């Protein structure tokens, strides 16, 4: 009986060690992915483009859009890294993360990342179009509980 208990204890500890090593490898790949995607820089550029549009059309008066975007990104990155680790852990396997990171190191992967803020701005501009806004408002009104 003691031998069986000892065997189970060894198997449990071995499994626990494997899970912790797997978790550490996942976190390493996730942090690499966050870095390869230039997450903070893309965030700064996306916000800067959006705030610059608002400044240019007279909606906001901001003295230094770039500096403000940098400060906001610092606050967000302090909060988002743990959330991104959970998101990636919940949605990717270790092998998928390695494959993603391999793609992100290619010229096409880096080009895709670099163009992301401009693509995001197009989405923001599309939603701000008066014709689109009125259609969206009509759809919301149709679906409101009366």
N, C-alpha and C. Protein backbone atom coordinates (compact mmCIF):
# COMPACT_ATOMS: atom_id res chain seq x y z
N UNK A 1 0.82 -1.19 0.00
CA UNK A 1 0.00 0.00 0.00
C UNK A 1 0.87 1.26 0.00
N UNK A 2 1.94 1.24 0.81
CA UNK A 2 2.84 2.38 0.86
C UNK A 2 3.50 2.60 -0.50
N UNK A 3 3.82 1.50 -1.20
CA UNK A 3 4.46 1.60 -2.50
C UNK A 3 3.52 2.27 -3.51
N UNK A 4 2.25 1.92 -3.46
CA UNK A 4 1.26 2.51 -4.37
C UNK A 4 1.11 3.99 -4.08
N UNK A 5 1.01 4.33 -2.79
CA UNK A 5 0.90 5.75 -2.42
C UNK A 5 2.13 6.53 -2.87
N UNK A 6 3.30 5.94 -2.66
CA UNK A 6 4.56 6.58 -3.05
C UNK A 6 4.60 6.78 -4.57
N UNK A 7 4.17 5.77 -5.32
CA UNK A 7 4.14 5.86 -6.78
C UNK A 7 3.21 6.98 -7.24
N UNK A 8 2.03 7.08 -6.65
CA UNK A 8 1.09 8.15 -6.98
C UNK A 8 1.67 9.52 -6.63
N UNK A 9 2.35 9.61 -5.50
CA UNK A 9 2.96 10.87 -5.09
C UNK A 9 4.03 11.29 -6.09
N UNK A 10 4.84 10.36 -6.55
CA UNK A 10 5.88 10.67 -7.53
C UNK A 10 5.24 11.12 -8.85
N UNK A 11 4.20 10.40 -9.29
CA UNK A 11 3.52 10.77 -10.53
C UNK A 11 2.88 12.16 -10.41
N UNK A 12 2.30 12.47 -9.27
CA UNK A 12 1.68 13.78 -9.06
C UNK A 12 2.73 14.88 -9.14
N UNK A 13 3.85 14.71 -8.45
CA UNK A 13 4.92 15.72 -8.44
C UNK A 13 5.49 15.87 -9.85
N UNK A 14 5.67 14.79 -10.57
CA UNK A 14 6.20 14.85 -11.93
C UNK A 14 5.24 15.59 -12.85
N UNK A 15 3.96 15.30 -12.71
CA UNK A 15 2.95 15.98 -13.52
C UNK A 15 2.91 17.46 -13.18
N UNK A 16 2.97 17.79 -11.91
CA UNK A 16 2.96 19.18 -11.48
C UNK A 16 4.16 19.93 -12.05
N UNK A 17 5.31 19.31 -12.03
CA UNK A 17 6.51 19.92 -12.59
C UNK A 17 6.38 20.15 -14.08
N UNK A 18 5.78 19.20 -14.79
CA UNK A 18 5.58 19.34 -16.23
C UNK A 18 4.61 20.47 -16.53
N UNK A 19 3.54 20.57 -15.74
CA UNK A 19 2.56 21.65 -15.94
C UNK A 19 3.22 23.01 -15.70
N UNK A 20 4.01 23.12 -14.64
CA UNK A 20 4.68 24.40 -14.35
C UNK A 20 5.66 24.75 -15.46
N UNK A 21 6.39 23.77 -15.99
CA UNK A 21 7.33 24.02 -17.09
C UNK A 21 6.55 24.45 -18.33
N UNK A 22 5.41 23.79 -18.59
CA UNK A 22 4.56 24.14 -19.72
C UNK A 22 4.05 25.57 -19.55
N UNK A 23 3.59 25.91 -18.34
CA UNK A 23 3.11 27.27 -18.06
C UNK A 23 4.21 28.30 -18.28
N UNK A 24 5.40 28.00 -17.81
CA UNK A 24 6.52 28.93 -17.97
C UNK A 24 6.86 29.11 -19.45
N UNK A 25 6.83 28.01 -20.21
CA UNK A 25 7.11 28.10 -21.64
C UNK A 25 6.03 28.92 -22.34
N UNK A 26 4.77 28.75 -21.93
CA UNK A 26 3.67 29.53 -22.51
C UNK A 26 3.87 31.01 -22.23
N UNK A 27 4.16 31.35 -20.99
CA UNK A 27 4.34 32.76 -20.63
C UNK A 27 5.52 33.36 -21.40
N UNK A 28 6.58 32.59 -21.55
CA UNK A 28 7.74 33.07 -22.31
C UNK A 28 7.34 33.37 -23.76
N UNK A 29 6.61 32.45 -24.39
CA UNK A 29 6.18 32.66 -25.78
C UNK A 29 5.19 33.81 -25.90
N UNK A 30 4.31 33.96 -24.90
CA UNK A 30 3.33 35.05 -24.93
C UNK A 30 4.04 36.39 -24.82
N UNK A 31 4.98 36.49 -23.90
CA UNK A 31 5.72 37.75 -23.76
C UNK A 31 6.52 38.05 -25.01
N UNK A 32 7.06 37.03 -25.64
CA UNK A 32 7.77 37.20 -26.90
C UNK A 32 6.80 37.72 -27.96
N UNK A 33 5.60 37.17 -28.00
CA UNK A 33 4.60 37.60 -28.97
C UNK A 33 4.19 39.05 -28.74
N UNK A 34 4.00 39.42 -27.50
CA UNK A 34 3.65 40.81 -27.16
C UNK A 34 4.76 41.74 -27.64
N UNK A 35 6.00 41.33 -27.43
CA UNK A 35 7.14 42.14 -27.87
C UNK A 35 7.23 42.20 -29.39
N UNK A 36 7.10 41.04 -30.05
CA UNK A 36 7.19 41.00 -31.51
C UNK A 36 6.09 41.82 -32.18
N UNK A 37 4.94 41.90 -31.51
CA UNK A 37 3.82 42.67 -32.07
C UNK A 37 3.93 44.15 -31.76
N UNK A 38 4.99 44.53 -31.05
CA UNK A 38 5.19 45.94 -30.70
C UNK A 38 3.90 46.52 -30.10
N UNK A 39 3.32 45.78 -29.19
CA UNK A 39 2.00 46.10 -28.64
C UNK A 39 1.92 47.53 -28.13
N UNK A 40 2.87 47.94 -27.34
CA UNK A 40 2.84 49.30 -26.79
C UNK A 40 2.99 50.34 -27.90
N UNK A 41 3.95 50.13 -28.79
CA UNK A 41 4.19 51.09 -29.86
C UNK A 41 2.97 51.22 -30.79
N UNK A 42 2.35 50.08 -31.10
CA UNK A 42 1.16 50.10 -31.96
C UNK A 42 0.03 50.83 -31.26
N UNK A 43 -0.09 50.61 -29.96
CA UNK A 43 -1.11 51.29 -29.18
C UNK A 43 -0.90 52.81 -29.23
N UNK A 44 0.34 53.23 -29.05
CA UNK A 44 0.67 54.66 -29.09
C UNK A 44 0.33 55.24 -30.46
N UNK A 45 0.75 54.54 -31.50
CA UNK A 45 0.51 55.05 -32.85
C UNK A 45 -0.99 55.11 -33.17
N UNK A 46 -1.72 54.09 -32.78
CA UNK A 46 -3.17 54.06 -33.03
C UNK A 46 -3.85 55.21 -32.32
N UNK A 47 -3.53 55.39 -31.03
CA UNK A 47 -4.14 56.50 -30.28
C UNK A 47 -3.74 57.84 -30.86
N UNK A 48 -2.47 57.99 -31.22
CA UNK A 48 -2.01 59.26 -31.78
C UNK A 48 -2.76 59.61 -33.05
N UNK A 49 -2.93 58.62 -33.93
CA UNK A 49 -3.68 58.87 -35.17
C UNK A 49 -5.12 59.28 -34.88
N UNK A 50 -5.75 58.58 -33.94
CA UNK A 50 -7.14 58.89 -33.62
C UNK A 50 -7.28 60.25 -32.95
N UNK A 51 -6.41 60.55 -31.98
CA UNK A 51 -6.49 61.85 -31.31
C UNK A 51 -6.11 62.98 -32.26
N UNK A 52 -5.16 62.73 -33.15
CA UNK A 52 -4.77 63.77 -34.12
C UNK A 52 -5.96 64.12 -35.02
N UNK A 53 -6.73 63.12 -35.42
CA UNK A 53 -7.92 63.36 -36.22
C UNK A 53 -8.89 64.26 -35.47
N UNK A 54 -9.08 63.99 -34.18
CA UNK A 54 -9.99 64.79 -33.36
C UNK A 54 -9.47 66.22 -33.16
N UNK A 55 -8.15 66.34 -33.04
CA UNK A 55 -7.55 67.67 -32.92
C UNK A 55 -7.70 68.43 -34.24
N UNK A 56 -7.42 67.74 -35.34
CA UNK A 56 -7.49 68.37 -36.66
C UNK A 56 -8.90 68.84 -37.02
N UNK A 57 -9.91 68.10 -36.57
CA UNK A 57 -11.28 68.53 -36.91
C UNK A 57 -11.89 69.44 -35.84
N UNK A 58 -11.09 69.83 -34.85
CA UNK A 58 -11.54 70.79 -33.86
C UNK A 58 -12.35 70.22 -32.71
N UNK A 59 -12.46 68.89 -32.63
CA UNK A 59 -13.23 68.26 -31.56
C UNK A 59 -12.51 68.35 -30.22
N UNK A 60 -11.19 68.20 -30.23
CA UNK A 60 -10.38 68.26 -29.02
C UNK A 60 -9.22 69.23 -29.20
N UNK A 61 -8.80 69.82 -28.11
CA UNK A 61 -7.60 70.67 -28.12
C UNK A 61 -6.58 70.03 -27.20
N UNK A 62 -5.61 69.34 -27.79
CA UNK A 62 -4.57 68.65 -27.02
C UNK A 62 -3.24 69.28 -27.39
N UNK A 63 -2.44 69.59 -26.37
CA UNK A 63 -1.17 70.28 -26.63
C UNK A 63 -0.12 69.37 -27.28
N UNK A 64 -0.04 68.10 -26.87
CA UNK A 64 0.96 67.20 -27.42
C UNK A 64 0.35 65.80 -27.50
N UNK A 65 -0.20 65.48 -28.67
CA UNK A 65 -0.89 64.20 -28.87
C UNK A 65 0.05 63.03 -28.62
N UNK A 66 1.27 63.11 -29.12
CA UNK A 66 2.23 62.01 -28.98
C UNK A 66 2.54 61.75 -27.51
N UNK A 67 2.86 62.80 -26.76
CA UNK A 67 3.21 62.64 -25.35
C UNK A 67 2.02 62.07 -24.56
N UNK A 68 0.82 62.57 -24.86
CA UNK A 68 -0.36 62.07 -24.16
C UNK A 68 -0.58 60.59 -24.47
N UNK A 69 -0.43 60.22 -25.74
CA UNK A 69 -0.61 58.82 -26.15
C UNK A 69 0.42 57.91 -25.48
N UNK A 70 1.65 58.40 -25.34
CA UNK A 70 2.70 57.63 -24.67
C UNK A 70 2.33 57.38 -23.20
N UNK A 71 1.86 58.42 -22.53
CA UNK A 71 1.49 58.29 -21.12
C UNK A 71 0.32 57.32 -20.94
N UNK A 72 -0.67 57.43 -21.82
CA UNK A 72 -1.83 56.54 -21.73
C UNK A 72 -1.38 55.09 -21.98
N UNK A 73 -0.51 54.88 -22.97
CA UNK A 73 -0.03 53.53 -23.27
C UNK A 73 0.70 52.92 -22.08
N UNK A 74 1.47 53.74 -21.36
CA UNK A 74 2.17 53.23 -20.17
C UNK A 74 1.17 52.71 -19.13
N UNK A 75 0.09 53.46 -18.94
CA UNK A 75 -0.94 53.04 -17.98
C UNK A 75 -1.61 51.75 -18.44
N UNK A 76 -1.95 51.69 -19.72
CA UNK A 76 -2.64 50.51 -20.25
C UNK A 76 -1.74 49.28 -20.19
N UNK A 77 -0.48 49.42 -20.60
CA UNK A 77 0.44 48.27 -20.62
C UNK A 77 0.66 47.71 -19.21
N UNK A 78 0.61 48.58 -18.22
CA UNK A 78 0.74 48.11 -16.85
C UNK A 78 -0.40 47.20 -16.44
N UNK A 79 -1.50 47.30 -17.14
CA UNK A 79 -2.69 46.53 -16.81
C UNK A 79 -2.96 45.39 -17.79
N UNK A 80 -2.53 45.54 -19.02
CA UNK A 80 -2.96 44.60 -20.06
C UNK A 80 -2.10 43.34 -20.17
N UNK A 81 -0.87 43.38 -19.74
CA UNK A 81 0.02 42.23 -19.94
C UNK A 81 -0.55 40.96 -19.29
N UNK A 82 -0.98 41.04 -18.05
CA UNK A 82 -1.56 39.85 -17.40
C UNK A 82 -2.82 39.38 -18.12
N UNK A 83 -3.62 40.33 -18.60
CA UNK A 83 -4.84 39.97 -19.34
C UNK A 83 -4.49 39.30 -20.67
N UNK A 84 -3.44 39.78 -21.33
CA UNK A 84 -3.00 39.16 -22.58
C UNK A 84 -2.46 37.76 -22.33
N UNK A 85 -1.73 37.59 -21.23
CA UNK A 85 -1.23 36.25 -20.91
C UNK A 85 -2.39 35.28 -20.73
N UNK A 86 -3.41 35.69 -20.01
CA UNK A 86 -4.59 34.83 -19.83
C UNK A 86 -5.28 34.58 -21.16
N UNK A 87 -5.45 35.64 -21.97
CA UNK A 87 -6.11 35.51 -23.27
C UNK A 87 -5.37 34.50 -24.15
N UNK A 88 -4.07 34.66 -24.28
CA UNK A 88 -3.30 33.75 -25.13
C UNK A 88 -3.30 32.33 -24.56
N UNK A 89 -3.18 32.20 -23.25
CA UNK A 89 -3.20 30.87 -22.63
C UNK A 89 -4.53 30.17 -22.87
N UNK A 90 -5.62 30.93 -22.82
CA UNK A 90 -6.95 30.36 -23.04
C UNK A 90 -7.23 30.02 -24.49
N UNK A 91 -6.52 30.66 -25.43
CA UNK A 91 -6.89 30.52 -26.83
C UNK A 91 -5.83 29.88 -27.73
N UNK A 92 -4.62 29.69 -27.23
CA UNK A 92 -3.55 29.13 -28.04
C UNK A 92 -2.84 28.01 -27.30
N UNK A 93 -2.35 27.06 -28.08
CA UNK A 93 -1.45 26.05 -27.51
C UNK A 93 -0.02 26.60 -27.61
N UNK A 94 0.89 25.94 -26.94
CA UNK A 94 2.29 26.34 -26.99
C UNK A 94 2.81 26.27 -28.43
N UNK A 95 2.46 25.21 -29.13
CA UNK A 95 2.90 25.07 -30.53
C UNK A 95 2.32 26.18 -31.41
N UNK A 96 1.07 26.55 -31.18
CA UNK A 96 0.48 27.65 -31.96
C UNK A 96 1.18 28.97 -31.69
N UNK A 97 1.52 29.21 -30.43
CA UNK A 97 2.25 30.44 -30.09
C UNK A 97 3.62 30.48 -30.77
N UNK A 98 4.29 29.36 -30.79
CA UNK A 98 5.59 29.30 -31.45
C UNK A 98 5.44 29.58 -32.95
N UNK A 99 4.39 29.02 -33.54
CA UNK A 99 4.12 29.25 -34.96
C UNK A 99 3.77 30.72 -35.22
N UNK A 100 2.95 31.30 -34.35
CA UNK A 100 2.59 32.71 -34.47
C UNK A 100 3.84 33.58 -34.37
N UNK A 101 4.67 33.31 -33.40
CA UNK A 101 5.89 34.10 -33.21
C UNK A 101 6.84 33.95 -34.40
N UNK A 102 6.88 32.74 -34.97
CA UNK A 102 7.70 32.54 -36.16
C UNK A 102 7.20 33.44 -37.30
N UNK A 103 5.88 33.49 -37.48
CA UNK A 103 5.31 34.37 -38.51
C UNK A 103 5.60 35.84 -38.22
N UNK A 104 5.49 36.22 -36.97
CA UNK A 104 5.69 37.63 -36.60
C UNK A 104 7.12 38.10 -36.85
N UNK A 105 8.05 37.17 -36.94
CA UNK A 105 9.44 37.57 -37.22
C UNK A 105 9.70 37.73 -38.72
N UNK A 106 8.74 37.35 -39.56
CA UNK A 106 8.93 37.48 -41.02
C UNK A 106 8.64 38.91 -41.46
N UNK A 107 9.14 39.30 -42.62
CA UNK A 107 8.83 40.63 -43.15
C UNK A 107 7.32 40.88 -43.30
N UNK A 108 6.59 39.87 -43.74
CA UNK A 108 5.13 40.04 -43.89
C UNK A 108 4.46 40.21 -42.53
N UNK A 109 4.92 39.45 -41.55
CA UNK A 109 4.37 39.59 -40.20
C UNK A 109 4.62 40.98 -39.64
N UNK A 110 5.83 41.49 -39.82
CA UNK A 110 6.16 42.83 -39.33
C UNK A 110 5.42 43.91 -40.11
N UNK A 111 5.22 43.70 -41.40
CA UNK A 111 4.45 44.66 -42.21
C UNK A 111 3.00 44.71 -41.72
N UNK A 112 2.45 43.54 -41.43
CA UNK A 112 1.08 43.47 -40.93
C UNK A 112 0.94 44.25 -39.62
N UNK A 113 1.91 44.10 -38.75
CA UNK A 113 1.90 44.80 -37.47
C UNK A 113 2.02 46.31 -37.69
N UNK A 114 2.93 46.70 -38.56
CA UNK A 114 3.17 48.12 -38.82
C UNK A 114 1.93 48.80 -39.40
N UNK A 115 1.15 48.10 -40.20
CA UNK A 115 -0.03 48.69 -40.83
C UNK A 115 -1.27 48.65 -39.94
N UNK A 116 -1.21 47.95 -38.83
CA UNK A 116 -2.38 47.80 -37.94
C UNK A 116 -2.97 49.13 -37.47
N UNK A 117 -2.17 50.11 -37.05
CA UNK A 117 -2.78 51.38 -36.61
C UNK A 117 -3.55 52.09 -37.72
N UNK A 118 -3.04 52.04 -38.94
CA UNK A 118 -3.75 52.68 -40.04
C UNK A 118 -5.06 51.96 -40.33
N UNK A 119 -5.05 50.63 -40.23
CA UNK A 119 -6.28 49.87 -40.43
C UNK A 119 -7.30 50.19 -39.33
N UNK A 120 -6.82 50.32 -38.11
CA UNK A 120 -7.71 50.67 -36.99
C UNK A 120 -8.31 52.05 -37.19
N UNK A 121 -7.51 52.99 -37.70
CA UNK A 121 -8.02 54.34 -37.95
C UNK A 121 -9.12 54.31 -39.01
N UNK A 122 -8.96 53.48 -40.02
CA UNK A 122 -9.99 53.36 -41.05
C UNK A 122 -11.31 52.90 -40.42
N UNK A 123 -11.22 51.97 -39.51
CA UNK A 123 -12.43 51.49 -38.82
C UNK A 123 -13.08 52.59 -38.01
N UNK A 124 -12.26 53.36 -37.30
CA UNK A 124 -12.79 54.48 -36.50
C UNK A 124 -13.44 55.51 -37.40
N UNK A 125 -12.79 55.83 -38.50
CA UNK A 125 -13.34 56.82 -39.43
C UNK A 125 -14.64 56.33 -40.05
N UNK A 126 -14.72 55.04 -40.35
CA UNK A 126 -15.94 54.49 -40.93
C UNK A 126 -17.11 54.63 -39.97
N UNK A 127 -16.87 54.37 -38.69
CA UNK A 127 -17.93 54.47 -37.69
C UNK A 127 -18.34 55.92 -37.45
N UNK A 128 -17.43 56.85 -37.64
CA UNK A 128 -17.73 58.27 -37.41
C UNK A 128 -18.41 58.94 -38.60
N UNK A 129 -18.52 58.24 -39.71
CA UNK A 129 -19.18 58.80 -40.89
C UNK A 129 -20.65 59.08 -40.54
N UNK A 130 -21.15 60.30 -40.81
CA UNK A 130 -22.53 60.65 -40.44
C UNK A 130 -23.58 59.69 -41.00
N UNK A 131 -23.40 59.22 -42.22
CA UNK A 131 -24.36 58.29 -42.82
C UNK A 131 -24.36 56.96 -42.07
N UNK A 132 -23.16 56.48 -41.73
CA UNK A 132 -23.06 55.23 -40.98
C UNK A 132 -23.64 55.40 -39.58
N UNK A 133 -23.34 56.53 -38.94
CA UNK A 133 -23.87 56.78 -37.60
C UNK A 133 -25.39 56.78 -37.59
N UNK A 134 -26.00 57.42 -38.58
CA UNK A 134 -27.47 57.46 -38.60
C UNK A 134 -28.05 56.07 -38.84
N UNK A 135 -27.41 55.27 -39.68
CA UNK A 135 -27.88 53.90 -39.90
C UNK A 135 -27.71 53.06 -38.64
N UNK A 136 -26.58 53.25 -37.94
CA UNK A 136 -26.36 52.52 -36.69
C UNK A 136 -27.41 52.90 -35.66
N UNK A 137 -27.71 54.20 -35.58
CA UNK A 137 -28.71 54.68 -34.63
C UNK A 137 -30.07 54.06 -34.95
N UNK A 138 -30.43 53.97 -36.22
CA UNK A 138 -31.70 53.37 -36.61
C UNK A 138 -31.76 51.90 -36.20
N UNK A 139 -30.65 51.19 -36.36
CA UNK A 139 -30.61 49.78 -35.98
C UNK A 139 -30.77 49.64 -34.47
N UNK A 140 -30.06 50.46 -33.70
CA UNK A 140 -30.18 50.41 -32.24
C UNK A 140 -31.61 50.69 -31.81
N UNK A 141 -32.21 51.72 -32.40
CA UNK A 141 -33.61 52.07 -32.05
C UNK A 141 -34.55 50.91 -32.36
N UNK A 142 -34.33 50.21 -33.47
CA UNK A 142 -35.17 49.08 -33.86
C UNK A 142 -35.09 47.96 -32.83
N UNK A 143 -33.91 47.81 -32.20
CA UNK A 143 -33.71 46.68 -31.29
C UNK A 143 -33.90 47.03 -29.81
N UNK A 144 -34.16 48.29 -29.51
CA UNK A 144 -34.39 48.67 -28.12
C UNK A 144 -35.67 48.05 -27.60
N UNK A 145 -35.63 47.60 -26.35
CA UNK A 145 -36.85 47.11 -25.71
C UNK A 145 -37.76 48.29 -25.45
N UNK A 146 -38.97 48.17 -25.81
CA UNK A 146 -39.90 49.27 -25.65
C UNK A 146 -40.72 49.14 -24.41
